[in-house]
Amino acid sequence: MQFAPPPRSRRKPSLTPMIDVVFLLLVFFMLASRFGADATLPLPLVAAGGEYSGPPRLIDVLPESTLLNGVLVTDLPSDLIPLMQQPSDMLILRGKDGATLQRIVTVTETLREAGYTSVVLVE
């Protein structure tokens, strides 16, 4: 009398490798995706090629102060009035001596609130 070996139970496939791959993909896409909206500067910065006319209007942004044509100013919008023919005249803004981007944005917002619409940011 011959006895057949007991039937082997079918082995179920392991889900562990598939779960590992899913988690790796999840981590990859979370790190590669961008959340939230990008912030923009408050004024449209003029691209190269704009016409410049009138007296010089170079604004140097320092970490703690602002210079207009090399002269220290305390109230930038009112000091710009004699140099401007109209609010859309071009202003040249330059960060100097380690001025932070936040400081430059603050000066740009001040100019926008005063009604100036054309700013060129240079190095």
PDB file of N, CA and C in Angstrom:
ATOM      1  N   MET A   1       0.827  -1.154   0.000  1.00  0.00           N
ATOM      2  CA  MET A   1       0.000   0.000   0.000  1.00  0.00           C
ATOM      3  C   MET A   1       0.890   1.242   0.000  1.00  0.00           C
ATOM      4  N   GLN A   2       0.551   2.060  -0.939  1.00  0.00           N
ATOM      5  CA  GLN A   2       1.341   3.269  -1.079  1.00  0.00           C
ATOM      6  C   GLN A   2       0.518   4.455  -0.598  1.00  0.00           C
ATOM      7  N   PHE A   3       1.187   5.235   0.165  1.00  0.00           N
ATOM      8  CA  PHE A   3       0.532   6.460   0.635  1.00  0.00           C
ATOM      9  C   PHE A   3       1.129   7.664  -0.083  1.00  0.00           C
ATOM     10  N   ALA A   4       0.279   8.482  -0.557  1.00  0.00           N
ATOM     11  CA  ALA A   4       0.743   9.711  -1.224  1.00  0.00           C
ATOM     12  C   ALA A   4       1.099  10.736  -0.150  1.00  0.00           C
ATOM     13  N   PRO A   5       2.107  11.534  -0.443  1.00  0.00           N
ATOM     14  CA  PRO A   5       2.437  12.560   0.550  1.00  0.00           C
ATOM     15  C   PRO A   5       1.259  13.500   0.742  1.00  0.00           C
ATOM     16  N   PRO A   6       1.119  14.029   1.944  1.00  0.00           N
ATOM     17  CA  PRO A   6      -0.022  14.932   2.179  1.00  0.00           C
ATOM     18  C   PRO A   6       0.064  16.147   1.240  1.00  0.00           C
ATOM     19  N   PRO A   7      -1.053  16.568   0.735  1.00  0.00           N
ATOM     20  CA  PRO A   7      -1.028  17.705  -0.183  1.00  0.00           C
ATOM     21  C   PRO A   7      -0.515  18.964   0.531  1.00  0.00           C
ATOM     22  N   ARG A   8       0.349  19.636  -0.145  1.00  0.00           N
ATOM     23  CA  ARG A   8       0.896  20.882   0.425  1.00  0.00           C
ATOM     24  C   ARG A   8      -0.129  21.996   0.276  1.00  0.00           C
ATOM     25  N   SER A   9      -0.250  22.749   1.299  1.00  0.00           N
ATOM     26  CA  SER A   9      -1.164  23.890   1.194  1.00  0.00           C
ATOM     27  C   SER A   9      -0.504  24.952   0.304  1.00  0.00           C
ATOM     28  N   ARG A  10      -1.321  25.589  -0.494  1.00  0.00           N
ATOM     29  CA  ARG A  10      -0.786  26.608  -1.382  1.00  0.00           C
ATOM     30  C   ARG A  10      -0.315  27.797  -0.599  1.00  0.00           C
ATOM     31  N   ARG A  11       0.870  28.221  -0.914  1.00  0.00           N
ATOM     32  CA  ARG A  11       1.450  29.355  -0.201  1.00  0.00           C
ATOM     33  C   ARG A  11       0.935  30.653  -0.806  1.00  0.00           C
ATOM     34  N   LYS A  12       0.463  31.546   0.040  1.00  0.00           N
ATOM     35  CA  LYS A  12      -0.040  32.837  -0.437  1.00  0.00           C
ATOM     36  C   LYS A  12       1.162  33.751  -0.691  1.00  0.00           C
ATOM     37  N   PRO A  13       1.085  34.584  -1.739  1.00  0.00           N
ATOM     38  CA  PRO A  13       2.207  35.492  -2.007  1.00  0.00           C
ATOM     39  C   PRO A  13       2.325  36.536  -0.891  1.00  0.00           C
ATOM     40  N   SER A  14       3.548  36.876  -0.601  1.00  0.00           N
ATOM     41  CA  SER A  14       3.797  37.865   0.451  1.00  0.00           C
ATOM     42  C   SER A  14       3.543  39.271  -0.077  1.00  0.00           C
ATOM     43  N   LEU A  15       2.836  40.059   0.687  1.00  0.00           N
ATOM     44  CA  LEU A  15       2.532  41.433   0.291  1.00  0.00           C
ATOM     45  C   LEU A  15       3.565  42.427   0.808  1.00  0.00           C
ATOM     46  N   THR A  16       4.481  41.976   1.618  1.00  0.00           N
ATOM     47  CA  THR A  16       5.465  42.884   2.222  1.00  0.00           C
ATOM     48  C   THR A  16       6.296  43.627   1.180  1.00  0.00           C
ATOM     49  N   PRO A  17       6.862  42.974   0.160  1.00  0.00           N
ATOM     50  CA  PRO A  17       7.641  43.743  -0.828  1.00  0.00           C
ATOM     51  C   PRO A  17       6.793  44.769  -1.576  1.00  0.00           C
ATOM     52  N   MET A  18       5.549  44.431  -1.869  1.00  0.00           N
ATOM     53  CA  MET A  18       4.690  45.380  -2.573  1.00  0.00           C
ATOM     54  C   MET A  18       4.379  46.590  -1.686  1.00  0.00           C
ATOM     55  N   ILE A  19       4.139  46.355  -0.418  1.00  0.00           N
ATOM     56  CA  ILE A  19       3.871  47.458   0.511  1.00  0.00           C
ATOM     57  C   ILE A  19       5.102  48.344   0.642  1.00  0.00           C
ATOM     58  N   ASP A  20       6.300  47.738   0.667  1.00  0.00           N
ATOM     59  CA  ASP A  20       7.534  48.527   0.730  1.00  0.00           C
ATOM     60  C   ASP A  20       7.667  49.439  -0.485  1.00  0.00           C
ATOM     61  N   VAL A  21       7.381  48.906  -1.653  1.00  0.00           N
ATOM     62  CA  VAL A  21       7.474  49.704  -2.883  1.00  0.00           C
ATOM     63  C   VAL A  21       6.449  50.837  -2.857  1.00  0.00           C
ATOM     64  N   VAL A  22       5.249  50.571  -2.399  1.00  0.00           N
ATOM     65  CA  VAL A  22       4.219  51.600  -2.332  1.00  0.00           C
ATOM     66  C   VAL A  22       4.646  52.719  -1.381  1.00  0.00           C
ATOM     67  N   PHE A  23       5.199  52.366  -0.243  1.00  0.00           N
ATOM     68  CA  PHE A  23       5.652  53.400   0.694  1.00  0.00           C
ATOM     69  C   PHE A  23       6.821  54.192   0.127  1.00  0.00           C
ATOM     70  N   LEU A  24       7.730  53.535  -0.579  1.00  0.00           N
ATOM     71  CA  LEU A  24       8.834  54.265  -1.209  1.00  0.00           C
ATOM     72  C   LEU A  24       8.316  55.248  -2.255  1.00  0.00           C
ATOM     73  N   LEU A  25       7.348  54.826  -3.045  1.00  0.00           N
ATOM     74  CA  LEU A  25       6.754  55.740  -4.027  1.00  0.00           C
ATOM     75  C   LEU A  25       6.029  56.889  -3.347  1.00  0.00           C
ATOM     76  N   LEU A  26       5.329  56.601  -2.273  1.00  0.00           N
ATOM     77  CA  LEU A  26       4.630  57.643  -1.529  1.00  0.00           C
ATOM     78  C   LEU A  26       5.606  58.686  -0.998  1.00  0.00           C
ATOM     79  N   VAL A  27       6.696  58.226  -0.394  1.00  0.00           N
ATOM     80  CA  VAL A  27       7.704  59.145   0.135  1.00  0.00           C
ATOM     81  C   VAL A  27       8.323  59.950  -1.008  1.00  0.00           C
ATOM     82  N   PHE A  28       8.633  59.306  -2.122  1.00  0.00           N
ATOM     83  CA  PHE A  28       9.229  60.008  -3.259  1.00  0.00           C
ATOM     84  C   PHE A  28       8.307  61.119  -3.754  1.00  0.00           C
ATOM     85  N   PHE A  29       7.042  60.819  -3.971  1.00  0.00           N
ATOM     86  CA  PHE A  29       6.134  61.824  -4.504  1.00  0.00           C
ATOM     87  C   PHE A  29       5.834  62.927  -3.491  1.00  0.00           C
ATOM     88  N   MET A  30       5.851  62.611  -2.208  1.00  0.00           N
ATOM     89  CA  MET A  30       5.651  63.660  -1.202  1.00  0.00           C
ATOM     90  C   MET A  30       6.838  64.625  -1.186  1.00  0.00           C
ATOM     91  N   LEU A  31       8.043  64.086  -1.331  1.00  0.00           N
ATOM     92  CA  LEU A  31       9.219  64.945  -1.323  1.00  0.00           C
ATOM     93  C   LEU A  31       9.382  65.709  -2.636  1.00  0.00           C
ATOM     94  N   ALA A  32       8.911  65.134  -3.721  1.00  0.00           N
ATOM     95  CA  ALA A  32       9.071  65.771  -5.024  1.00  0.00           C
ATOM     96  C   ALA A  32       7.976  66.786  -5.325  1.00  0.00           C
ATOM     97  N   SER A  33       6.861  66.720  -4.625  1.00  0.00           N
ATOM     98  CA  SER A  33       5.764  67.635  -4.920  1.00  0.00           C
ATOM     99  C   SER A  33       5.949  68.967  -4.201  1.00  0.00           C
ATOM    100  N   ARG A  34       5.252  69.966  -4.687  1.00  0.00           N
ATOM    101  CA  ARG A  34       5.315  71.301  -4.100  1.00  0.00           C
ATOM    102  C   ARG A  34       3.952  71.621  -3.502  1.00  0.00           C
ATOM    103  N   PHE A  35       3.966  72.063  -2.265  1.00  0.00           N
ATOM    104  CA  PHE A  35       2.726  72.398  -1.585  1.00  0.00           C
ATOM    105  C   PHE A  35       2.603  73.909  -1.485  1.00  0.00           C
ATOM    106  N   GLY A  36       1.409  74.423  -1.677  1.00  0.00           N
ATOM    107  CA  GLY A  36       1.175  75.847  -1.517  1.00  0.00           C
ATOM    108  C   GLY A  36       1.524  76.614  -2.779  1.00  0.00           C
ATOM    109  N   ALA A  37       1.165  77.877  -2.766  1.00  0.00           N
ATOM    110  CA  ALA A  37       1.421  78.744  -3.916  1.00  0.00           C
ATOM    111  C   ALA A  37       2.737  79.492  -3.718  1.00  0.00           C
ATOM    112  N   ASP A  38       3.375  79.772  -4.809  1.00  0.00           N
ATOM    113  CA  ASP A  38       4.606  80.543  -4.744  1.00  0.00           C
ATOM    114  C   ASP A  38       4.266  82.007  -4.494  1.00  0.00           C
ATOM    115  N   ALA A  39       5.101  82.659  -3.709  1.00  0.00           N
ATOM    116  CA  ALA A  39       4.906  84.079  -3.453  1.00  0.00           C
ATOM    117  C   ALA A  39       5.515  84.877  -4.597  1.00  0.00           C
ATOM    118  N   THR A  40       4.934  86.018  -4.901  1.00  0.00           N
ATOM    119  CA  THR A  40       5.451  86.863  -5.957  1.00  0.00           C
ATOM    120  C   THR A  40       5.767  88.237  -5.392  1.00  0.00           C
ATOM    121  N   LEU A  41       6.628  88.923  -6.080  1.00  0.00           N
ATOM    122  CA  LEU A  41       6.925  90.297  -5.686  1.00  0.00           C
ATOM    123  C   LEU A  41       5.704  91.161  -5.975  1.00  0.00           C
ATOM    124  N   PRO A  42       5.453  92.176  -5.161  1.00  0.00           N
ATOM    125  CA  PRO A  42       4.236  92.953  -5.310  1.00  0.00           C
ATOM    126  C   PRO A  42       4.180  93.810  -6.571  1.00  0.00           C
ATOM    127  N   LEU A  43       5.309  94.226  -7.124  1.00  0.00           N
ATOM    128  CA  LEU A  43       5.315  95.040  -8.339  1.00  0.00           C
ATOM    129  C   LEU A  43       5.761  94.191  -9.517  1.00  0.00           C
ATOM    130  N   PRO A  44       5.222  94.457 -10.685  1.00  0.00           N
ATOM    131  CA  PRO A  44       5.784  93.775 -11.842  1.00  0.00           C
ATOM    132  C   PRO A  44       7.140  94.386 -12.153  1.00  0.00           C
ATOM    133  N   LEU A  45       8.180  93.584 -12.055  1.00  0.00           N
ATOM    134  CA  LEU A  45       9.506  94.097 -12.346  1.00  0.00           C
ATOM    135  C   LEU A  45       9.667  94.190 -13.857  1.00  0.00           C
ATOM    136  N   VAL A  46      10.145  95.338 -14.319  1.00  0.00           N
ATOM    137  CA  VAL A  46      10.275  95.584 -15.745  1.00  0.00           C
ATOM    138  C   VAL A  46      11.399  94.732 -16.307  1.00  0.00           C
ATOM    139  N   ALA A  47      11.151  94.089 -17.409  1.00  0.00           N
ATOM    140  CA  ALA A  47      12.189  93.299 -18.066  1.00  0.00           C
ATOM    141  C   ALA A  47      13.141  94.228 -18.801  1.00  0.00           C
ATOM    142  N   ALA A  48      14.253  93.686 -19.251  1.00  0.00           N
ATOM    143  CA  ALA A  48      15.246  94.486 -19.954  1.00  0.00           C
ATOM    144  C   ALA A  48      14.639  95.089 -21.211  1.00  0.00           C
ATOM    145  N   GLY A  49      15.110  96.265 -21.580  1.00  0.00           N
ATOM    146  CA  GLY A  49      14.665  96.887 -22.809  1.00  0.00           C
ATOM    147  C   GLY A  49      13.743  98.067 -22.597  1.00  0.00           C
ATOM    148  N   GLY A  50      13.428  98.430 -21.368  1.00  0.00           N
ATOM    149  CA  GLY A  50      12.572  99.569 -21.115  1.00  0.00           C
ATOM    150  C   GLY A  50      13.315 100.881 -21.356  1.00  0.00           C
ATOM    151  N   GLU A  51      12.566 101.917 -21.657  1.00  0.00           N
ATOM    152  CA  GLU A  51      13.158 103.238 -21.892  1.00  0.00           C
ATOM    153  C   GLU A  51      13.324 103.956 -20.561  1.00  0.00           C
ATOM    154  N   TYR A  52      14.483 104.583 -20.411  1.00  0.00           N
ATOM    155  CA  TYR A  52      14.753 105.352 -19.204  1.00  0.00           C
ATOM    156  C   TYR A  52      14.883 106.808 -19.609  1.00  0.00           C
ATOM    157  N   SER A  53      14.170 107.671 -18.901  1.00  0.00           N
ATOM    158  CA  SER A  53      14.267 109.101 -19.183  1.00  0.00           C
ATOM    159  C   SER A  53      14.197 109.851 -17.864  1.00  0.00           C
ATOM    160  N   GLY A  54      14.714 111.049 -17.876  1.00  0.00           N
ATOM    161  CA  GLY A  54      14.671 111.888 -16.690  1.00  0.00           C
ATOM    162  C   GLY A  54      15.916 111.762 -15.850  1.00  0.00           C
ATOM    163  N   PRO A  55      15.885 112.376 -14.677  1.00  0.00           N
ATOM    164  CA  PRO A  55      17.055 112.344 -13.796  1.00  0.00           C
ATOM    165  C   PRO A  55      17.287 110.932 -13.253  1.00  0.00           C
ATOM    166  N   PRO A  56      18.493 110.675 -12.749  1.00  0.00           N
ATOM    167  CA  PRO A  56      18.771 109.342 -12.189  1.00  0.00           C
ATOM    168  C   PRO A  56      17.911 109.069 -10.961  1.00  0.00           C
ATOM    169  N   ARG A  57      17.456 107.831 -10.864  1.00  0.00           N
ATOM    170  CA  ARG A  57      16.643 107.386  -9.721  1.00  0.00           C
ATOM    171  C   ARG A  57      17.148 106.025  -9.279  1.00  0.00           C
ATOM    172  N   LEU A  58      18.345 105.993  -8.725  1.00  0.00           N
ATOM    173  CA  LEU A  58      18.960 104.757  -8.248  1.00  0.00           C
ATOM    174  C   LEU A  58      18.707 104.623  -6.751  1.00  0.00           C
ATOM    175  N   ILE A  59      18.031 103.560  -6.381  1.00  0.00           N
ATOM    176  CA  ILE A  59      17.693 103.320  -4.965  1.00  0.00           C
ATOM    177  C   ILE A  59      18.555 102.162  -4.482  1.00  0.00           C
ATOM    178  N   ASP A  60      19.459 102.443  -3.556  1.00  0.00           N
ATOM    179  CA  ASP A  60      20.294 101.414  -2.941  1.00  0.00           C
ATOM    180  C   ASP A  60      19.638 100.976  -1.640  1.00  0.00           C
ATOM    181  N   VAL A  61      19.340  99.684  -1.553  1.00  0.00           N
ATOM    182  CA  VAL A  61      18.714  99.137  -0.353  1.00  0.00           C
ATOM    183  C   VAL A  61      19.815  98.516   0.497  1.00  0.00           C
ATOM    184  N   LEU A  62      20.030  99.079   1.666  1.00  0.00           N
ATOM    185  CA  LEU A  62      21.004  98.571   2.637  1.00  0.00           C
ATOM    186  C   LEU A  62      20.249  97.806   3.718  1.00  0.00           C
ATOM    187  N   PRO A  63      20.943  97.034   4.534  1.00  0.00           N
ATOM    188  CA  PRO A  63      20.230  96.260   5.563  1.00  0.00           C
ATOM    189  C   PRO A  63      19.377  97.105   6.513  1.00  0.00           C
ATOM    190  N   GLU A  64      19.814  98.307   6.821  1.00  0.00           N
ATOM    191  CA  GLU A  64      19.072  99.124   7.795  1.00  0.00           C
ATOM    192  C   GLU A  64      18.631 100.470   7.256  1.00  0.00           C
ATOM    193  N   SER A  65      19.017 100.833   6.033  1.00  0.00           N
ATOM    194  CA  SER A  65      18.673 102.155   5.505  1.00  0.00           C
ATOM    195  C   SER A  65      18.500 102.070   3.999  1.00  0.00           C
ATOM    196  N   THR A  66      18.165 103.234   3.415  1.00  0.00           N
ATOM    197  CA  THR A  66      17.952 103.325   1.976  1.00  0.00           C
ATOM    198  C   THR A  66      18.657 104.573   1.457  1.00  0.00           C
ATOM    199  N   LEU A  67      19.323 104.422   0.333  1.00  0.00           N
ATOM    200  CA  LEU A  67      20.004 105.541  -0.311  1.00  0.00           C
ATOM    201  C   LEU A  67      19.310 105.841  -1.631  1.00  0.00           C
ATOM    202  N   LEU A  68      19.106 107.133  -1.920  1.00  0.00           N
ATOM    203  CA  LEU A  68      18.562 107.563  -3.201  1.00  0.00           C
ATOM    204  C   LEU A  68      19.641 108.369  -3.892  1.00  0.00           C
ATOM    205  N   ASN A  69      20.174 107.839  -4.976  1.00  0.00           N
ATOM    206  CA  ASN A  69      21.293 108.454  -5.702  1.00  0.00           C
ATOM    207  C   ASN A  69      22.472 108.733  -4.774  1.00  0.00           C
ATOM    208  N   GLY A  70      22.720 107.827  -3.847  1.00  0.00           N
ATOM    209  CA  GLY A  70      23.862 107.936  -2.948  1.00  0.00           C
ATOM    210  C   GLY A  70      23.623 108.767  -1.701  1.00  0.00           C
ATOM    211  N   VAL A  71      22.422 109.310  -1.523  1.00  0.00           N
ATOM    212  CA  VAL A  71      22.095 110.149  -0.368  1.00  0.00           C
ATOM    213  C   VAL A  71      21.125 109.389   0.527  1.00  0.00           C
ATOM    214  N   LEU A  72      21.415 109.379   1.821  1.00  0.00           N
ATOM    215  CA  LEU A  72      20.563 108.696   2.793  1.00  0.00           C
ATOM    216  C   LEU A  72      19.190 109.363   2.852  1.00  0.00           C
ATOM    217  N   VAL A  73      18.128 108.563   2.749  1.00  0.00           N
ATOM    218  CA  VAL A  73      16.762 109.094   2.817  1.00  0.00           C
ATOM    219  C   VAL A  73      15.995 108.377   3.918  1.00  0.00           C
ATOM    220  N   THR A  74      15.045 109.091   4.495  1.00  0.00           N
ATOM    221  CA  THR A  74      14.202 108.492   5.534  1.00  0.00           C
ATOM    222  C   THR A  74      12.804 108.191   5.003  1.00  0.00           C
ATOM    223  N   ASP A  75      12.288 109.042   4.117  1.00  0.00           N
ATOM    224  CA  ASP A  75      10.962 108.835   3.528  1.00  0.00           C
ATOM    225  C   ASP A  75      11.128 108.747   2.012  1.00  0.00           C
ATOM    226  N   LEU A  76      11.335 107.558   1.519  1.00  0.00           N
ATOM    227  CA  LEU A  76      11.666 107.344   0.112  1.00  0.00           C
ATOM    228  C   LEU A  76      10.597 107.872  -0.846  1.00  0.00           C
ATOM    229  N   PRO A  77       9.317 107.564  -0.657  1.00  0.00           N
ATOM    230  CA  PRO A  77       8.323 108.045  -1.634  1.00  0.00           C
ATOM    231  C   PRO A  77       8.290 109.563  -1.772  1.00  0.00           C
ATOM    232  N   SER A  78       8.381 110.290  -0.665  1.00  0.00           N
ATOM    233  CA  SER A  78       8.337 111.754  -0.770  1.00  0.00           C
ATOM    234  C   SER A  78       9.635 112.320  -1.337  1.00  0.00           C
ATOM    235  N   ASP A  79      10.764 111.648  -1.109  1.00  0.00           N
ATOM    236  CA  ASP A  79      12.024 112.119  -1.683  1.00  0.00           C
ATOM    237  C   ASP A  79      12.111 111.832  -3.180  1.00  0.00           C
ATOM    238  N   LEU A  80      11.301 110.916  -3.688  1.00  0.00           N
ATOM    239  CA  LEU A  80      11.285 110.618  -5.119  1.00  0.00           C
ATOM    240  C   LEU A  80      10.450 111.613  -5.924  1.00  0.00           C
ATOM    241  N   ILE A  81       9.552 112.325  -5.299  1.00  0.00           N
ATOM    242  CA  ILE A  81       8.614 113.211  -6.009  1.00  0.00           C
ATOM    243  C   ILE A  81       9.327 114.205  -6.926  1.00  0.00           C
ATOM    244  N   PRO A  82      10.383 114.912  -6.471  1.00  0.00           N
ATOM    245  CA  PRO A  82      11.022 115.871  -7.386  1.00  0.00           C
ATOM    246  C   PRO A  82      11.723 115.209  -8.584  1.00  0.00           C
ATOM    247  N   LEU A  83      12.030 113.922  -8.489  1.00  0.00           N
ATOM    248  CA  LEU A  83      12.744 113.234  -9.560  1.00  0.00           C
ATOM    249  C   LEU A  83      11.814 112.565 -10.568  1.00  0.00           C
ATOM    250  N   MET A  84      10.533 112.510 -10.265  1.00  0.00           N
ATOM    251  CA  MET A  84       9.584 111.766 -11.092  1.00  0.00           C
ATOM    252  C   MET A  84       8.729 112.722 -11.917  1.00  0.00           C
ATOM    253  N   GLN A  85       8.552 112.405 -13.208  1.00  0.00           N
ATOM    254  CA  GLN A  85       7.624 113.165 -14.045  1.00  0.00           C
ATOM    255  C   GLN A  85       6.228 112.567 -13.947  1.00  0.00           C
ATOM    256  N   GLN A  86       6.172 111.237 -13.825  1.00  0.00           N
ATOM    257  CA  GLN A  86       4.906 110.530 -13.646  1.00  0.00           C
ATOM    258  C   GLN A  86       5.170 109.252 -12.860  1.00  0.00           C
ATOM    259  N   PRO A  87       4.161 108.675 -12.220  1.00  0.00           N
ATOM    260  CA  PRO A  87       4.384 107.485 -11.388  1.00  0.00           C
ATOM    261  C   PRO A  87       4.892 106.266 -12.157  1.00  0.00           C
ATOM    262  N   SER A  88       4.741 106.241 -13.459  1.00  0.00           N
ATOM    263  CA  SER A  88       5.199 105.085 -14.233  1.00  0.00           C
ATOM    264  C   SER A  88       6.653 105.224 -14.681  1.00  0.00           C
ATOM    265  N   ASP A  89       7.351 106.291 -14.281  1.00  0.00           N
ATOM    266  CA  ASP A  89       8.776 106.427 -14.602  1.00  0.00           C
ATOM    267  C   ASP A  89       9.558 105.299 -13.943  1.00  0.00           C
ATOM    268  N   MET A  90      10.629 104.896 -14.587  1.00  0.00           N
ATOM    269  CA  MET A  90      11.405 103.747 -14.137  1.00  0.00           C
ATOM    270  C   MET A  90      12.261 104.086 -12.915  1.00  0.00           C
ATOM    271  N   LEU A  91      12.214 103.195 -11.929  1.00  0.00           N
ATOM    272  CA  LEU A  91      13.065 103.275 -10.740  1.00  0.00           C
ATOM    273  C   LEU A  91      14.029 102.097 -10.784  1.00  0.00           C
ATOM    274  N   ILE A  92      15.277 102.340 -10.421  1.00  0.00           N
ATOM    275  CA  ILE A  92      16.272 101.271 -10.401  1.00  0.00           C
ATOM    276  C   ILE A  92      16.561 100.932  -8.949  1.00  0.00           C
ATOM    277  N   LEU A  93      16.318  99.697  -8.592  1.00  0.00           N
ATOM    278  CA  LEU A  93      16.466  99.218  -7.218  1.00  0.00           C
ATOM    279  C   LEU A  93      17.645  98.258  -7.162  1.00  0.00           C
ATOM    280  N   ARG A  94      18.541  98.479  -6.195  1.00  0.00           N
ATOM    281  CA  ARG A  94      19.745  97.647  -6.086  1.00  0.00           C
ATOM    282  C   ARG A  94      19.988  97.299  -4.618  1.00  0.00           C
ATOM    283  N   GLY A  95      20.140  96.029  -4.331  1.00  0.00           N
ATOM    284  CA  GLY A  95      20.488  95.584  -2.991  1.00  0.00           C
ATOM    285  C   GLY A  95      21.990  95.671  -2.786  1.00  0.00           C
ATOM    286  N   LYS A  96      22.405  96.191  -1.638  1.00  0.00           N
ATOM    287  CA  LYS A  96      23.835  96.351  -1.365  1.00  0.00           C
ATOM    288  C   LYS A  96      24.171  95.916   0.048  1.00  0.00           C
ATOM    289  N   ASP A  97      25.437  95.595   0.249  1.00  0.00           N
ATOM    290  CA  ASP A  97      26.011  95.324   1.572  1.00  0.00           C
ATOM    291  C   ASP A  97      25.225  94.288   2.371  1.00  0.00           C
ATOM    292  N   GLY A  98      24.782  93.237   1.706  1.00  0.00           N
ATOM    293  CA  GLY A  98      24.119  92.144   2.414  1.00  0.00           C
ATOM    294  C   GLY A  98      22.662  92.402   2.756  1.00  0.00           C
ATOM    295  N   ALA A  99      21.997  93.252   1.994  1.00  0.00           N
ATOM    296  CA  ALA A  99      20.568  93.491   2.231  1.00  0.00           C
ATOM    297  C   ALA A  99      19.802  92.198   1.937  1.00  0.00           C
ATOM    298  N   THR A 100      18.880  91.852   2.808  1.00  0.00           N
ATOM    299  CA  THR A 100      18.116  90.617   2.633  1.00  0.00           C
ATOM    300  C   THR A 100      17.024  90.816   1.585  1.00  0.00           C
ATOM    301  N   LEU A 101      16.551  89.713   1.060  1.00  0.00           N
ATOM    302  CA  LEU A 101      15.467  89.774   0.089  1.00  0.00           C
ATOM    303  C   LEU A 101      14.212  90.369   0.718  1.00  0.00           C
ATOM    304  N   GLN A 102      13.972  90.073   1.976  1.00  0.00           N
ATOM    305  CA  GLN A 102      12.801  90.633   2.656  1.00  0.00           C
ATOM    306  C   GLN A 102      12.882  92.152   2.720  1.00  0.00           C
ATOM    307  N   ARG A 103      14.067  92.674   2.934  1.00  0.00           N
ATOM    308  CA  ARG A 103      14.249  94.134   2.977  1.00  0.00           C
ATOM    309  C   ARG A 103      13.946  94.747   1.607  1.00  0.00           C
ATOM    310  N   ILE A 104      14.399  94.100   0.537  1.00  0.00           N
ATOM    311  CA  ILE A 104      14.139  94.597  -0.814  1.00  0.00           C
ATOM    312  C   ILE A 104      12.643  94.540  -1.120  1.00  0.00           C
ATOM    313  N   VAL A 105      11.983  93.465  -0.716  1.00  0.00           N
ATOM    314  CA  VAL A 105      10.544  93.343  -0.932  1.00  0.00           C
ATOM    315  C   VAL A 105       9.791  94.412  -0.139  1.00  0.00           C
ATOM    316  N   THR A 106      10.243  94.714   1.067  1.00  0.00           N
ATOM    317  CA  THR A 106       9.595  95.749   1.878  1.00  0.00           C
ATOM    318  C   THR A 106       9.697  97.111   1.197  1.00  0.00           C
ATOM    319  N   VAL A 107      10.873  97.434   0.659  1.00  0.00           N
ATOM    320  CA  VAL A 107      11.041  98.713  -0.057  1.00  0.00           C
ATOM    321  C   VAL A 107      10.167  98.727  -1.306  1.00  0.00           C
ATOM    322  N   THR A 108      10.091  97.593  -2.012  1.00  0.00           N
ATOM    323  CA  THR A 108       9.254  97.497  -3.203  1.00  0.00           C
ATOM    324  C   THR A 108       7.781  97.694  -2.852  1.00  0.00           C
ATOM    325  N   GLU A 109       7.331  97.126  -1.749  1.00  0.00           N
ATOM    326  CA  GLU A 109       5.943  97.319  -1.305  1.00  0.00           C
ATOM    327  C   GLU A 109       5.678  98.776  -0.951  1.00  0.00           C
ATOM    328  N   THR A 110       6.653  99.435  -0.325  1.00  0.00           N
ATOM    329  CA  THR A 110       6.513 100.856   0.006  1.00  0.00           C
ATOM    330  C   THR A 110       6.339 101.684  -1.267  1.00  0.00           C
ATOM    331  N   LEU A 111       7.112 101.356  -2.291  1.00  0.00           N
ATOM    332  CA  LEU A 111       7.003 102.069  -3.568  1.00  0.00           C
ATOM    333  C   LEU A 111       5.652 101.803  -4.229  1.00  0.00           C
ATOM    334  N   ARG A 112       5.185 100.571  -4.157  1.00  0.00           N
ATOM    335  CA  ARG A 112       3.881 100.251  -4.744  1.00  0.00           C
ATOM    336  C   ARG A 112       2.763 101.003  -4.043  1.00  0.00           C
ATOM    337  N   GLU A 113       2.812 101.058  -2.706  1.00  0.00           N
ATOM    338  CA  GLU A 113       1.783 101.773  -1.947  1.00  0.00           C
ATOM    339  C   GLU A 113       1.792 103.263  -2.256  1.00  0.00           C
ATOM    340  N   ALA A 114       2.953 103.806  -2.641  1.00  0.00           N
ATOM    341  CA  ALA A 114       3.055 105.215  -2.986  1.00  0.00           C
ATOM    342  C   ALA A 114       2.606 105.490  -4.422  1.00  0.00           C
ATOM    343  N   GLY A 115       2.345 104.428  -5.200  1.00  0.00           N
ATOM    344  CA  GLY A 115       1.798 104.602  -6.535  1.00  0.00           C
ATOM    345  C   GLY A 115       2.812 104.413  -7.658  1.00  0.00           C
ATOM    346  N   TYR A 116       4.046 104.060  -7.344  1.00  0.00           N
ATOM    347  CA  TYR A 116       5.053 103.839  -8.377  1.00  0.00           C
ATOM    348  C   TYR A 116       4.879 102.450  -8.965  1.00  0.00           C
ATOM    349  N   THR A 117       4.912 102.365 -10.309  1.00  0.00           N
ATOM    350  CA  THR A 117       4.540 101.102 -10.954  1.00  0.00           C
ATOM    351  C   THR A 117       5.662 100.452 -11.743  1.00  0.00           C
ATOM    352  N   SER A 118       6.792 101.111 -11.922  1.00  0.00           N
ATOM    353  CA  SER A 118       7.853 100.543 -12.759  1.00  0.00           C
ATOM    354  C   SER A 118       9.158 100.487 -11.988  1.00  0.00           C
ATOM    355  N   VAL A 119       9.569  99.265 -11.636  1.00  0.00           N
ATOM    356  CA  VAL A 119      10.789  99.066 -10.856  1.00  0.00           C
ATOM    357  C   VAL A 119      11.658  98.050 -11.575  1.00  0.00           C
ATOM    358  N   VAL A 120      12.945  98.364 -11.679  1.00  0.00           N
ATOM    359  CA  VAL A 120      13.909  97.431 -12.245  1.00  0.00           C
ATOM    360  C   VAL A 120      14.839  97.022 -11.116  1.00  0.00           C
ATOM    361  N   LEU A 121      14.979  95.723 -10.914  1.00  0.00           N
ATOM    362  CA  LEU A 121      15.849  95.192  -9.867  1.00  0.00           C
ATOM    363  C   LEU A 121      17.155  94.783 -10.516  1.00  0.00           C
ATOM    364  N   VAL A 122      18.271  95.384 -10.077  1.00  0.00           N
ATOM    365  CA  VAL A 122      19.584  95.080 -10.646  1.00  0.00           C
ATOM    366  C   VAL A 122      20.493  94.545  -9.546  1.00  0.00           C
ATOM    367  N   GLU A 123      21.585  93.911  -9.985  1.00  0.00           N
ATOM    368  CA  GLU A 123      22.564  93.393  -9.018  1.00  0.00           C
ATOM    369  C   GLU A 123      23.559  94.447  -8.660  1.00  0.00           C
TER     370      GLU A 123
END
